[in-house]
Amino acid sequence: MTDLLSINELAAQVQHNCHISDARHGADYAICTFLMKMREYYRWEQGRSPGERLGKDEVGQWLADREALWETLEDEAYRPLEWSGESFDPFDAERLNARLEAADLVYSAGIGRNGKPHFFLARLEGRERFGGCLVRVAGREYARDLSAPPAMTQGEWVFVRREALRQLLWERLEGWRWNRPDNALGCAFACYDFEHDLDGALEAMTAVEVEAVLRHELGEVRAGEILGEDWNALLLALVATPAEFKARAVRDHLADCLSTLPALAGQGDAPPIHFFVGNLSPMRQRLFPALSRAYEEWRKQGDATVLARVAEQGRKHWAEMGRRLVDLWRRGEPDLPKQVMERVEAL
């Protein structure tokens, strides 16, 4: 049995690397997004519940202290992690996880948008096989960085973060409540009793959306098989440019057309369909107008086969688009980001 002191010591090491990542990439966000993420990061760090009112002064002082800490860490190298008498490279998650599973812990280290490293250490809730993928499900998180992707695929493993997914749902709900527009997100939230039981509704919605998250990651694995290893080289060449976001949107749409949308269409359940469409970024909606039209048709007719049809069409389109982008990289096209932007926008 691993004692709490050992877990806290490892969590502190992981958190230190999280601070370094945040120090280097905190400026990647627009100011409004940054402040929202920092407020929710404070909520997580202090163990405050969703919906609990946060004092402006307390958050402001914490923010000032955190930015001061980041200034001291921006140029520091990521530190190795020490566990049970062994030293681990912070990006060698699989080797460390082989030791941590006996302690019911899970660790992840991956690279996200703008080349930002993401680290987390959490309680391991379970291991399972889903659609041919090996899945580690993370529960309570002991260390994390500013951004908390609900899921990531690394090698043969998919990491699903229930706590991060729950936070994402809370953030979407809070954002929607500003104006309460009559849109897909509003329809999704209306399926749960958020007005009278916030925590219960968040738990219920998290339980439903976990499968959609897994479906997307399964689609990511299949998209990777279609696009090949050169896709990662393409993304590295586009890091920190607007073209990176366009390229990632292409692969996200391919992954969803391969896995998420067919599953949603097959089940026909309204809450996850509403949330899937409502959670799409404006850019992804603009790049795939046929999906929005299919969603509106489903709302009117109630026949989810329209989503299956648009997924089938999208599989062909987005696979071909992805291959064309990879070809641009292989040919060594000059001004690659501009070429990618033009190719994706010429839909």
Protein backbone atom coordinates (compact mmCIF):
# COMPACT_ATOMS: atom_id res chain seq x y z
CA MET A 1 0.00 0.00 0.00
CA THR A 2 1.45 3.36 -1.03
CA ASP A 3 1.31 5.98 1.70
CA LEU A 4 -0.19 9.41 1.21
CA LEU A 5 3.19 11.08 1.73
CA SER A 6 4.64 9.29 -1.30
CA ILE A 7 1.68 10.33 -3.46
CA ASN A 8 1.96 13.95 -2.29
CA GLU A 9 5.69 13.97 -3.06
CA LEU A 10 5.12 12.69 -6.60
CA ALA A 11 2.21 15.09 -7.07
CA ALA A 12 4.46 18.00 -6.11
CA GLN A 13 7.03 16.93 -8.70
CA VAL A 14 4.41 16.63 -11.43
CA GLN A 15 2.86 19.95 -10.42
CA HIS A 16 6.25 21.64 -10.72
CA ASN A 17 6.48 20.54 -14.35
CA CYS A 18 2.89 21.70 -14.85
CA HIS A 19 3.92 25.15 -13.62
CA ILE A 20 6.82 25.21 -16.09
CA SER A 21 4.48 24.32 -18.96
CA ASP A 22 2.04 27.03 -17.90
CA ALA A 23 4.85 29.56 -17.54
CA ARG A 24 5.88 28.95 -21.14
CA HIS A 25 2.39 28.83 -22.64
CA GLY A 26 0.11 30.98 -20.47
CA ALA A 27 0.32 33.75 -23.05
CA ASP A 28 -1.10 31.46 -25.76
CA TYR A 29 -4.66 32.36 -24.74
CA ALA A 30 -6.70 35.46 -25.42
CA ILE A 31 -7.09 37.50 -22.23
CA CYS A 32 -10.75 36.58 -21.59
CA THR A 33 -10.07 32.87 -22.10
CA PHE A 34 -6.98 33.09 -19.93
CA LEU A 35 -8.83 34.72 -17.04
CA MET A 36 -11.66 32.19 -17.23
CA LYS A 37 -9.23 29.28 -17.24
CA MET A 38 -7.27 30.74 -14.34
CA ARG A 39 -10.42 31.21 -12.28
CA GLU A 40 -11.39 27.57 -12.81
CA TYR A 41 -7.81 26.48 -12.17
CA TYR A 42 -8.03 28.29 -8.83
CA ARG A 43 -11.32 26.55 -8.12
CA TRP A 44 -9.72 23.14 -8.75
CA GLU A 45 -6.59 23.92 -6.74
CA GLN A 46 -8.57 25.16 -3.74
CA GLY A 47 -11.13 22.37 -3.90
CA ARG A 48 -14.04 24.77 -4.44
CA SER A 49 -17.28 23.44 -5.86
CA PRO A 50 -18.82 24.48 -9.20
CA GLY A 51 -21.31 27.25 -8.58
CA GLU A 52 -19.60 28.36 -5.36
CA ARG A 53 -19.06 32.10 -5.44
CA LEU A 54 -15.39 33.08 -5.58
CA GLY A 55 -14.18 36.33 -4.05
CA LYS A 56 -12.63 38.74 -6.54
CA ASP A 57 -9.81 39.69 -4.17
CA GLU A 58 -8.86 36.11 -3.30
CA VAL A 59 -8.68 35.06 -6.93
CA GLY A 60 -6.84 38.26 -7.87
CA GLN A 61 -4.13 37.72 -5.26
CA TRP A 62 -3.73 34.07 -6.23
CA LEU A 63 -3.43 35.09 -9.89
CA ALA A 64 -0.73 37.65 -9.09
CA ASP A 65 1.20 35.09 -7.03
CA ARG A 66 0.92 32.45 -9.74
CA GLU A 67 2.15 34.78 -12.48
CA ALA A 68 5.07 35.77 -10.23
CA LEU A 69 5.93 32.09 -9.81
CA TRP A 70 5.75 31.54 -13.56
CA GLU A 71 8.28 34.32 -14.14
CA THR A 72 10.83 32.32 -12.16
CA LEU A 73 10.16 29.08 -14.06
CA GLU A 74 9.82 30.05 -17.72
CA ASP A 75 13.40 29.08 -18.62
CA GLU A 76 13.64 26.07 -16.30
CA ALA A 77 13.92 22.56 -17.74
CA TYR A 78 11.32 19.92 -16.96
CA ARG A 79 12.47 17.81 -14.04
CA PRO A 80 12.73 14.01 -13.88
CA LEU A 81 10.19 12.34 -11.63
CA GLU A 82 11.28 10.24 -8.66
CA TRP A 83 9.14 7.31 -7.55
CA SER A 84 9.93 4.30 -5.39
CA GLY A 85 13.68 4.76 -5.74
CA GLU A 86 13.63 5.18 -9.54
CA SER A 87 13.99 8.22 -11.78
CA PHE A 88 11.72 8.73 -14.79
CA ASP A 89 11.85 11.10 -17.74
CA PRO A 90 8.73 13.30 -17.37
CA PHE A 91 7.60 12.35 -20.90
CA ASP A 92 8.08 8.59 -20.39
CA ALA A 93 4.54 8.08 -19.13
CA GLU A 94 4.29 4.41 -20.05
CA ARG A 95 7.34 3.38 -18.02
CA LEU A 96 6.12 5.32 -14.99
CA ASN A 97 2.57 3.98 -15.31
CA ALA A 98 3.91 0.43 -15.21
CA ARG A 99 5.09 1.22 -11.65
CA LEU A 100 2.12 3.37 -10.61
CA GLU A 101 -0.70 0.95 -11.34
CA ALA A 102 0.09 -1.07 -8.22
CA ALA A 103 -0.63 2.12 -6.25
CA ASP A 104 -3.87 2.80 -8.19
CA LEU A 105 -2.37 5.90 -9.78
CA VAL A 106 -2.17 7.08 -13.39
CA TYR A 107 0.16 9.62 -15.00
CA SER A 108 0.06 11.22 -18.41
CA ALA A 109 2.40 13.44 -20.39
CA GLY A 110 1.49 14.60 -23.88
CA ILE A 111 1.84 17.50 -26.31
CA GLY A 112 -1.23 19.57 -27.18
CA ARG A 113 -1.95 22.66 -29.23
CA ASN A 114 0.83 25.18 -29.75
CA GLY A 115 3.24 22.46 -28.65
CA LYS A 116 2.11 22.82 -25.02
CA PRO A 117 2.99 19.86 -22.77
CA HIS A 118 0.14 18.55 -20.63
CA PHE A 119 0.83 16.59 -17.44
CA PHE A 120 -1.47 15.11 -14.85
CA LEU A 121 -1.36 12.67 -11.94
CA ALA A 122 -4.62 11.11 -10.78
CA ARG A 123 -6.28 8.25 -8.99
CA LEU A 124 -6.70 5.32 -11.40
CA GLU A 125 -10.39 4.44 -11.53
CA GLY A 126 -10.01 1.57 -13.95
CA ARG A 127 -8.58 -0.02 -17.06
CA GLU A 128 -10.73 -1.29 -19.89
CA ARG A 129 -10.77 -2.12 -23.57
CA PHE A 130 -13.06 0.06 -25.68
CA GLY A 131 -13.48 -0.42 -29.41
CA GLY A 132 -10.08 -2.04 -29.69
CA CYS A 133 -8.30 0.62 -27.64
CA LEU A 134 -6.76 0.23 -24.19
CA VAL A 135 -8.23 2.83 -21.84
CA ARG A 136 -7.07 4.19 -18.51
CA VAL A 137 -9.80 6.11 -16.66
CA ALA A 138 -8.56 8.81 -14.27
CA GLY A 139 -10.56 10.01 -11.29
CA ARG A 140 -9.48 12.54 -8.68
CA GLU A 141 -6.55 14.58 -9.97
CA TYR A 142 -3.59 15.36 -7.71
CA ALA A 143 -1.62 17.47 -10.21
CA ARG A 144 -2.52 19.16 -13.51
CA ASP A 145 -1.70 22.18 -15.65
CA LEU A 146 -3.85 25.12 -16.69
CA SER A 147 -5.44 23.27 -19.60
CA ALA A 148 -7.11 19.95 -18.90
CA PRO A 149 -8.02 17.98 -22.05
CA PRO A 150 -10.71 15.43 -21.12
CA ALA A 151 -8.89 12.73 -23.08
CA MET A 152 -5.64 12.11 -24.90
CA THR A 153 -4.27 9.20 -26.91
CA GLN A 154 -0.65 8.20 -26.29
CA GLY A 155 0.71 5.16 -28.05
CA GLU A 156 -1.70 2.28 -27.54
CA TRP A 157 -3.37 3.89 -24.53
CA VAL A 158 -6.27 6.33 -24.27
CA PHE A 159 -6.37 8.44 -21.11
CA VAL A 160 -9.82 9.64 -20.03
CA ARG A 161 -10.05 12.27 -17.30
CA ARG A 162 -13.47 12.26 -15.64
CA GLU A 163 -12.63 15.26 -13.43
CA ALA A 164 -11.43 17.28 -16.42
CA LEU A 165 -14.54 16.34 -18.41
CA ARG A 166 -16.75 17.42 -15.52
CA GLN A 167 -14.93 20.75 -15.41
CA LEU A 168 -15.34 21.24 -19.16
CA LEU A 169 -19.10 20.68 -18.84
CA TRP A 170 -19.26 23.20 -16.00
CA GLU A 171 -17.35 25.77 -18.05
CA ARG A 172 -19.67 25.29 -21.02
CA LEU A 173 -22.72 25.62 -18.77
CA GLU A 174 -21.43 28.78 -17.11
CA GLY A 175 -20.61 30.33 -20.48
CA TRP A 176 -24.03 29.46 -21.87
CA ARG A 177 -25.77 30.99 -18.85
CA TRP A 178 -24.48 34.47 -19.68
CA ASN A 179 -27.10 34.93 -22.38
CA ARG A 180 -28.94 31.57 -22.39
CA PRO A 181 -29.27 31.41 -26.19
CA ASP A 182 -31.67 28.94 -27.78
CA ASN A 183 -29.00 26.71 -29.30
CA ALA A 184 -27.66 23.17 -29.22
CA LEU A 185 -25.88 23.70 -25.90
CA GLY A 186 -29.07 24.99 -24.33
CA CYS A 187 -30.91 21.91 -25.58
CA ALA A 188 -28.24 19.67 -24.07
CA PHE A 189 -28.34 21.36 -20.66
CA ALA A 190 -32.15 21.28 -20.65
CA CYS A 191 -31.93 17.49 -20.54
CA TYR A 192 -30.56 17.68 -16.98
CA ASP A 193 -31.78 19.35 -13.78
CA PHE A 194 -29.06 22.00 -13.52
CA GLU A 195 -31.40 24.55 -11.95
CA HIS A 196 -32.16 22.45 -8.86
CA ASP A 197 -29.28 19.95 -8.56
CA LEU A 198 -26.07 21.30 -10.07
CA ASP A 199 -23.74 18.61 -8.74
CA GLY A 200 -26.12 15.79 -9.57
CA ALA A 201 -26.69 17.12 -13.08
CA LEU A 202 -22.96 17.49 -13.69
CA GLU A 203 -22.35 13.92 -12.57
CA ALA A 204 -25.16 12.61 -14.76
CA MET A 205 -23.96 14.54 -17.81
CA THR A 206 -20.36 13.47 -17.22
CA ALA A 207 -21.41 9.82 -17.13
CA VAL A 208 -23.16 10.25 -20.49
CA GLU A 209 -20.42 12.25 -22.20
CA VAL A 210 -17.58 9.89 -21.20
CA GLU A 211 -18.60 7.57 -24.03
CA ALA A 212 -18.57 10.40 -26.58
CA VAL A 213 -15.06 11.34 -25.41
CA LEU A 214 -13.96 7.74 -25.83
CA ARG A 215 -15.59 7.53 -29.24
CA HIS A 216 -13.65 10.59 -30.39
CA GLU A 217 -10.35 9.14 -29.19
CA LEU A 218 -11.14 5.86 -30.96
CA GLY A 219 -11.71 7.95 -34.06
CA GLU A 220 -8.36 9.67 -33.49
CA VAL A 221 -6.64 6.29 -33.54
CA ARG A 222 -8.35 5.34 -36.79
CA ALA A 223 -7.61 8.78 -38.28
CA GLY A 224 -3.95 8.27 -37.40
CA GLU A 225 -3.93 5.01 -39.31
CA ILE A 226 -5.38 6.77 -42.36
CA LEU A 227 -3.15 9.85 -42.28
CA GLY A 228 0.08 8.13 -41.23
CA GLU A 229 3.03 9.19 -39.11
CA ASP A 230 3.81 12.19 -41.34
CA TRP A 231 0.74 13.92 -39.92
CA ASN A 232 2.63 14.59 -36.68
CA ALA A 233 5.52 16.08 -38.65
CA LEU A 234 3.03 18.34 -40.43
CA LEU A 235 1.66 19.58 -37.09
CA LEU A 236 5.17 20.27 -35.80
CA ALA A 237 5.80 22.41 -38.87
CA LEU A 238 2.60 24.37 -38.16
CA VAL A 239 3.00 24.87 -34.38
CA ALA A 240 1.85 28.27 -33.08
CA THR A 241 0.33 29.31 -36.42
CA PRO A 242 -3.37 29.66 -37.28
CA ALA A 243 -2.85 26.82 -39.75
CA GLU A 244 -2.22 24.42 -36.85
CA PHE A 245 -5.78 24.94 -35.62
CA LYS A 246 -7.19 24.41 -39.11
CA ALA A 247 -5.21 21.19 -39.55
CA ARG A 248 -6.31 19.92 -36.14
CA ALA A 249 -9.93 20.72 -37.05
CA VAL A 250 -9.59 18.59 -40.19
CA ARG A 251 -8.39 15.61 -38.16
CA ASP A 252 -11.03 16.17 -35.47
CA HIS A 253 -13.77 16.10 -38.08
CA LEU A 254 -12.31 12.95 -39.61
CA ALA A 255 -12.15 11.28 -36.18
CA ASP A 256 -15.76 12.20 -35.43
CA CYS A 257 -17.01 11.02 -38.81
CA LEU A 258 -15.20 7.71 -38.32
CA SER A 259 -16.44 7.06 -34.79
CA THR A 260 -18.38 9.66 -32.79
CA LEU A 261 -21.14 10.56 -35.25
CA PRO A 262 -21.95 6.99 -36.33
CA ALA A 263 -22.26 5.99 -32.65
CA LEU A 264 -24.49 8.97 -31.85
CA ALA A 265 -26.65 8.22 -34.87
CA GLY A 266 -26.93 4.56 -33.91
CA GLN A 267 -28.00 5.32 -30.35
CA GLY A 268 -30.23 8.27 -31.24
CA ASP A 269 -30.08 9.73 -27.73
CA ALA A 270 -30.82 13.45 -27.72
CA PRO A 271 -28.57 14.78 -24.89
CA PRO A 272 -25.20 13.71 -26.37
CA ILE A 273 -26.23 14.71 -29.89
CA HIS A 274 -27.14 18.21 -28.71
CA PHE A 275 -23.91 18.54 -26.75
CA PHE A 276 -21.73 17.22 -29.56
CA VAL A 277 -22.98 19.89 -31.96
CA GLY A 278 -23.12 22.61 -29.30
CA ASN A 279 -19.54 21.95 -28.22
CA LEU A 280 -18.10 22.42 -31.73
CA SER A 281 -15.99 25.55 -32.05
CA PRO A 282 -17.24 28.22 -34.46
CA MET A 283 -14.36 27.36 -36.78
CA ARG A 284 -15.28 23.67 -36.89
CA GLN A 285 -18.91 24.55 -37.56
CA ARG A 286 -17.90 26.86 -40.38
CA LEU A 287 -15.67 24.21 -41.98
CA PHE A 288 -18.41 21.55 -41.87
CA PRO A 289 -21.75 23.29 -42.67
CA ALA A 290 -23.32 20.00 -43.77
CA LEU A 291 -23.12 18.81 -40.17
CA SER A 292 -25.08 21.82 -38.89
CA ARG A 293 -27.71 21.24 -41.57
CA ALA A 294 -27.97 17.57 -40.62
CA TYR A 295 -28.39 18.51 -36.97
CA GLU A 296 -31.22 20.91 -37.77
CA GLU A 297 -32.91 18.25 -39.89
CA TRP A 298 -32.60 15.77 -37.01
CA ARG A 299 -34.18 18.30 -34.62
CA LYS A 300 -37.15 18.72 -36.94
CA GLN A 301 -37.63 15.10 -38.05
CA GLY A 302 -36.17 13.12 -35.14
CA ASP A 303 -34.47 10.70 -37.53
CA ALA A 304 -30.82 10.24 -36.56
CA THR A 305 -29.93 8.44 -39.78
CA VAL A 306 -29.28 11.88 -41.27
CA LEU A 307 -26.27 12.09 -38.96
CA ALA A 308 -25.03 8.72 -40.19
CA ARG A 309 -25.28 9.93 -43.78
CA VAL A 310 -23.33 13.11 -43.13
CA ALA A 311 -20.70 11.06 -41.29
CA GLU A 312 -20.28 8.80 -44.30
CA GLN A 313 -19.85 11.79 -46.59
CA GLY A 314 -17.51 13.46 -44.12
CA ARG A 315 -15.24 10.40 -43.81
CA LYS A 316 -14.35 10.61 -47.48
CA HIS A 317 -14.00 14.39 -47.54
CA TRP A 318 -11.88 14.81 -44.42
CA ALA A 319 -9.65 11.82 -45.17
CA GLU A 320 -8.87 13.26 -48.59
CA MET A 321 -8.31 16.72 -47.12
CA GLY A 322 -5.95 15.32 -44.50
CA ARG A 323 -3.95 13.43 -47.11
CA ARG A 324 -3.63 16.57 -49.23
CA LEU A 325 -2.26 18.51 -46.26
CA VAL A 326 0.30 15.80 -45.56
CA ASP A 327 1.31 15.88 -49.24
CA LEU A 328 1.98 19.61 -48.93
CA TRP A 329 4.45 18.86 -46.13
CA ARG A 330 6.06 15.98 -48.02
CA ARG A 331 6.64 18.17 -51.07
CA GLY A 332 8.35 20.79 -48.92
CA GLU A 333 5.97 23.50 -50.07
CA PRO A 334 7.24 27.01 -49.31
CA ASP A 335 5.17 28.97 -46.79
CA LEU A 336 3.48 25.78 -45.61
CA PRO A 337 1.10 27.49 -43.12
CA LYS A 338 -0.30 29.72 -45.87
CA GLN A 339 -0.71 26.74 -48.20
CA VAL A 340 -2.56 24.78 -45.49
CA MET A 341 -4.86 27.69 -44.71
CA GLU A 342 -5.77 28.15 -48.37
CA ARG A 343 -6.35 24.44 -48.93
CA VAL A 344 -8.62 24.01 -45.90
CA GLU A 345 -10.59 27.20 -46.55
CA ALA A 346 -11.20 26.24 -50.21
CA LEU A 347 -14.04 23.90 -49.29
